């Protein structure tokens, strides 16, 4: 389970490098953020409002995957 608090702290301090995307397993998006400085800041602003939902989605998928085993 990933923490919303951790995700937002990573976004706040290291978001321009995409660390919050790597934390949620979105390697491709993390690399894009790394090379474009968070889509020139626009992606970071969008993430302010969507990051909590992304964490919820990640956790729901992790739980579903665990139950399939």
N, C-alpha and C. Protein backbone atom coordinates (compact mmCIF):
# COMPACT_ATOMS: atom_id res chain seq x y z
N UNK A 1 0.84 -1.18 0.00
CA UNK A 1 0.00 0.00 0.00
C UNK A 1 0.89 1.24 0.00
N UNK A 2 0.55 2.14 -0.87
CA UNK A 2 1.29 3.40 -0.97
C UNK A 2 0.53 4.47 -0.19
N UNK A 3 1.26 5.40 0.36
CA UNK A 3 0.71 6.46 1.20
C UNK A 3 0.50 7.74 0.39
N UNK A 4 -0.67 8.36 0.58
CA UNK A 4 -0.93 9.65 -0.07
C UNK A 4 0.02 10.72 0.48
N UNK A 5 0.29 10.65 1.77
CA UNK A 5 1.19 11.63 2.38
C UNK A 5 2.57 11.55 1.76
N UNK A 6 3.09 10.34 1.62
CA UNK A 6 4.40 10.16 1.01
C UNK A 6 4.39 10.64 -0.44
N UNK A 7 3.34 10.30 -1.17
CA UNK A 7 3.25 10.72 -2.57
C UNK A 7 3.25 12.24 -2.69
N UNK A 8 2.49 12.92 -1.84
CA UNK A 8 2.44 14.38 -1.91
C UNK A 8 3.76 15.02 -1.44
N UNK A 9 4.42 14.42 -0.47
CA UNK A 9 5.72 14.94 -0.06
C UNK A 9 6.75 14.79 -1.18
N UNK A 10 6.73 13.65 -1.84
CA UNK A 10 7.63 13.46 -2.98
C UNK A 10 7.30 14.45 -4.10
N UNK A 11 6.00 14.67 -4.32
CA UNK A 11 5.58 15.63 -5.34
C UNK A 11 6.08 17.04 -5.00
N UNK A 12 5.93 17.42 -3.74
CA UNK A 12 6.29 18.77 -3.32
C UNK A 12 7.79 19.02 -3.42
N UNK A 13 8.58 18.07 -2.93
CA UNK A 13 10.02 18.29 -2.86
C UNK A 13 10.78 17.83 -4.11
N UNK A 14 10.30 16.77 -4.76
CA UNK A 14 11.05 16.20 -5.88
C UNK A 14 10.20 16.00 -7.13
N UNK A 15 9.04 16.64 -7.16
CA UNK A 15 8.11 16.45 -8.28
C UNK A 15 8.69 16.82 -9.63
N UNK A 16 9.51 17.83 -9.68
CA UNK A 16 10.08 18.26 -10.95
C UNK A 16 10.94 17.15 -11.57
N UNK A 17 11.41 16.23 -10.76
CA UNK A 17 12.19 15.09 -11.23
C UNK A 17 11.32 13.84 -11.46
N UNK A 18 10.03 13.92 -11.18
CA UNK A 18 9.12 12.80 -11.41
C UNK A 18 9.18 11.71 -10.36
N UNK A 19 9.76 11.98 -9.21
CA UNK A 19 9.94 10.95 -8.19
C UNK A 19 8.58 10.40 -7.72
N UNK A 20 7.57 11.24 -7.64
CA UNK A 20 6.25 10.76 -7.22
C UNK A 20 5.66 9.79 -8.24
N UNK A 21 5.99 9.93 -9.51
CA UNK A 21 5.53 9.00 -10.54
C UNK A 21 6.26 7.66 -10.41
N UNK A 22 7.57 7.72 -10.18
CA UNK A 22 8.32 6.48 -9.95
C UNK A 22 7.78 5.75 -8.73
N UNK A 23 7.43 6.47 -7.68
CA UNK A 23 6.89 5.90 -6.45
C UNK A 23 5.62 5.09 -6.73
N UNK A 24 4.81 5.55 -7.68
CA UNK A 24 3.57 4.86 -8.01
C UNK A 24 3.74 3.85 -9.15
N UNK A 25 4.98 3.57 -9.52
CA UNK A 25 5.25 2.56 -10.53
C UNK A 25 5.04 3.03 -11.95
N UNK A 26 4.89 4.31 -12.16
CA UNK A 26 4.69 4.86 -13.50
C UNK A 26 6.06 5.31 -14.04
N UNK A 27 6.84 4.33 -14.44
CA UNK A 27 8.22 4.58 -14.84
C UNK A 27 8.30 5.49 -16.07
N UNK A 28 7.47 5.22 -17.06
CA UNK A 28 7.47 6.04 -18.27
C UNK A 28 7.17 7.50 -17.98
N UNK A 29 6.14 7.74 -17.18
CA UNK A 29 5.79 9.12 -16.81
C UNK A 29 6.90 9.75 -15.98
N UNK A 30 7.51 8.96 -15.12
CA UNK A 30 8.61 9.48 -14.32
C UNK A 30 9.77 9.95 -15.18
N UNK A 31 10.08 9.17 -16.20
CA UNK A 31 11.16 9.56 -17.11
C UNK A 31 10.79 10.82 -17.88
N UNK A 32 9.53 10.91 -18.34
CA UNK A 32 9.09 12.13 -19.03
C UNK A 32 9.20 13.35 -18.13
N UNK A 33 8.76 13.21 -16.88
CA UNK A 33 8.86 14.33 -15.94
C UNK A 33 10.32 14.70 -15.71
N UNK A 34 11.17 13.70 -15.63
CA UNK A 34 12.59 13.94 -15.39
C UNK A 34 13.21 14.79 -16.50
N UNK A 35 12.87 14.47 -17.74
CA UNK A 35 13.48 15.16 -18.87
C UNK A 35 12.77 16.45 -19.28
N UNK A 36 11.54 16.68 -18.78
CA UNK A 36 10.81 17.89 -19.16
C UNK A 36 10.49 18.78 -17.97
N UNK A 37 11.11 18.51 -16.83
CA UNK A 37 10.85 19.27 -15.60
C UNK A 37 9.36 19.31 -15.29
N UNK A 38 8.76 18.12 -15.25
CA UNK A 38 7.33 18.03 -14.91
C UNK A 38 6.45 18.65 -15.97
N UNK A 39 6.78 18.38 -17.24
CA UNK A 39 6.06 18.99 -18.36
C UNK A 39 6.04 20.51 -18.21
N UNK A 40 7.19 21.04 -17.87
CA UNK A 40 7.40 22.49 -17.74
C UNK A 40 6.50 23.10 -16.67
N UNK A 41 6.19 22.30 -15.65
CA UNK A 41 5.41 22.78 -14.51
C UNK A 41 3.93 22.52 -14.63
N UNK A 42 3.44 22.33 -15.84
CA UNK A 42 2.00 22.12 -16.04
C UNK A 42 1.58 20.77 -15.45
N UNK A 43 2.39 19.75 -15.66
CA UNK A 43 2.09 18.43 -15.11
C UNK A 43 2.08 18.44 -13.60
N UNK A 44 2.96 19.21 -13.01
CA UNK A 44 3.01 19.31 -11.55
C UNK A 44 1.73 19.94 -11.00
N UNK A 45 1.23 20.96 -11.68
CA UNK A 45 -0.01 21.60 -11.25
C UNK A 45 -1.18 20.64 -11.35
N UNK A 46 -1.25 19.89 -12.43
CA UNK A 46 -2.32 18.90 -12.60
C UNK A 46 -2.23 17.84 -11.51
N UNK A 47 -1.01 17.40 -11.22
CA UNK A 47 -0.81 16.37 -10.19
C UNK A 47 -1.27 16.82 -8.81
N UNK A 48 -1.24 18.10 -8.56
CA UNK A 48 -1.72 18.62 -7.28
C UNK A 48 -3.15 18.15 -7.02
N UNK A 49 -3.96 18.06 -8.07
CA UNK A 49 -5.36 17.69 -7.93
C UNK A 49 -5.63 16.22 -8.20
N UNK A 50 -4.75 15.53 -8.90
CA UNK A 50 -5.02 14.14 -9.29
C UNK A 50 -4.20 13.09 -8.56
N UNK A 51 -3.20 13.50 -7.82
CA UNK A 51 -2.27 12.53 -7.21
C UNK A 51 -2.97 11.63 -6.19
N UNK A 52 -3.88 12.16 -5.42
CA UNK A 52 -4.60 11.34 -4.44
C UNK A 52 -5.36 10.20 -5.11
N UNK A 53 -6.01 10.49 -6.23
CA UNK A 53 -6.72 9.46 -6.98
C UNK A 53 -5.79 8.44 -7.58
N UNK A 54 -4.61 8.88 -8.01
CA UNK A 54 -3.63 7.95 -8.56
C UNK A 54 -3.15 6.97 -7.48
N UNK A 55 -2.97 7.46 -6.27
CA UNK A 55 -2.56 6.59 -5.16
C UNK A 55 -3.68 5.59 -4.87
N UNK A 56 -4.93 6.05 -4.84
CA UNK A 56 -6.06 5.15 -4.61
C UNK A 56 -6.14 4.07 -5.68
N UNK A 57 -5.94 4.45 -6.94
CA UNK A 57 -5.96 3.49 -8.04
C UNK A 57 -4.84 2.48 -7.90
N UNK A 58 -3.64 2.94 -7.58
CA UNK A 58 -2.51 2.04 -7.39
C UNK A 58 -2.82 1.02 -6.29
N UNK A 59 -3.35 1.50 -5.17
CA UNK A 59 -3.64 0.62 -4.04
C UNK A 59 -4.75 -0.37 -4.39
N UNK A 60 -5.78 0.06 -5.11
CA UNK A 60 -6.86 -0.84 -5.50
C UNK A 60 -6.34 -1.93 -6.42
N UNK A 61 -5.49 -1.57 -7.36
CA UNK A 61 -4.91 -2.57 -8.26
C UNK A 61 -4.00 -3.54 -7.52
N UNK A 62 -3.26 -3.05 -6.55
CA UNK A 62 -2.38 -3.92 -5.75
C UNK A 62 -3.20 -4.92 -4.94
N UNK A 63 -4.31 -4.47 -4.38
CA UNK A 63 -5.18 -5.36 -3.61
C UNK A 63 -5.80 -6.41 -4.52
N UNK A 64 -6.30 -5.99 -5.69
CA UNK A 64 -6.90 -6.92 -6.63
C UNK A 64 -5.88 -7.96 -7.09
N UNK A 65 -4.67 -7.53 -7.34
CA UNK A 65 -3.62 -8.45 -7.76
C UNK A 65 -3.30 -9.45 -6.66
N UNK A 66 -3.30 -9.01 -5.41
CA UNK A 66 -3.00 -9.90 -4.29
C UNK A 66 -4.09 -10.96 -4.13
N UNK A 67 -5.35 -10.59 -4.38
CA UNK A 67 -6.44 -11.54 -4.23
C UNK A 67 -6.47 -12.56 -5.36
N UNK A 68 -5.93 -12.22 -6.52
CA UNK A 68 -5.91 -13.15 -7.64
C UNK A 68 -4.91 -14.28 -7.44
N UNK A 69 -3.98 -14.10 -6.52
CA UNK A 69 -2.95 -15.13 -6.31
C UNK A 69 -3.49 -16.26 -5.57
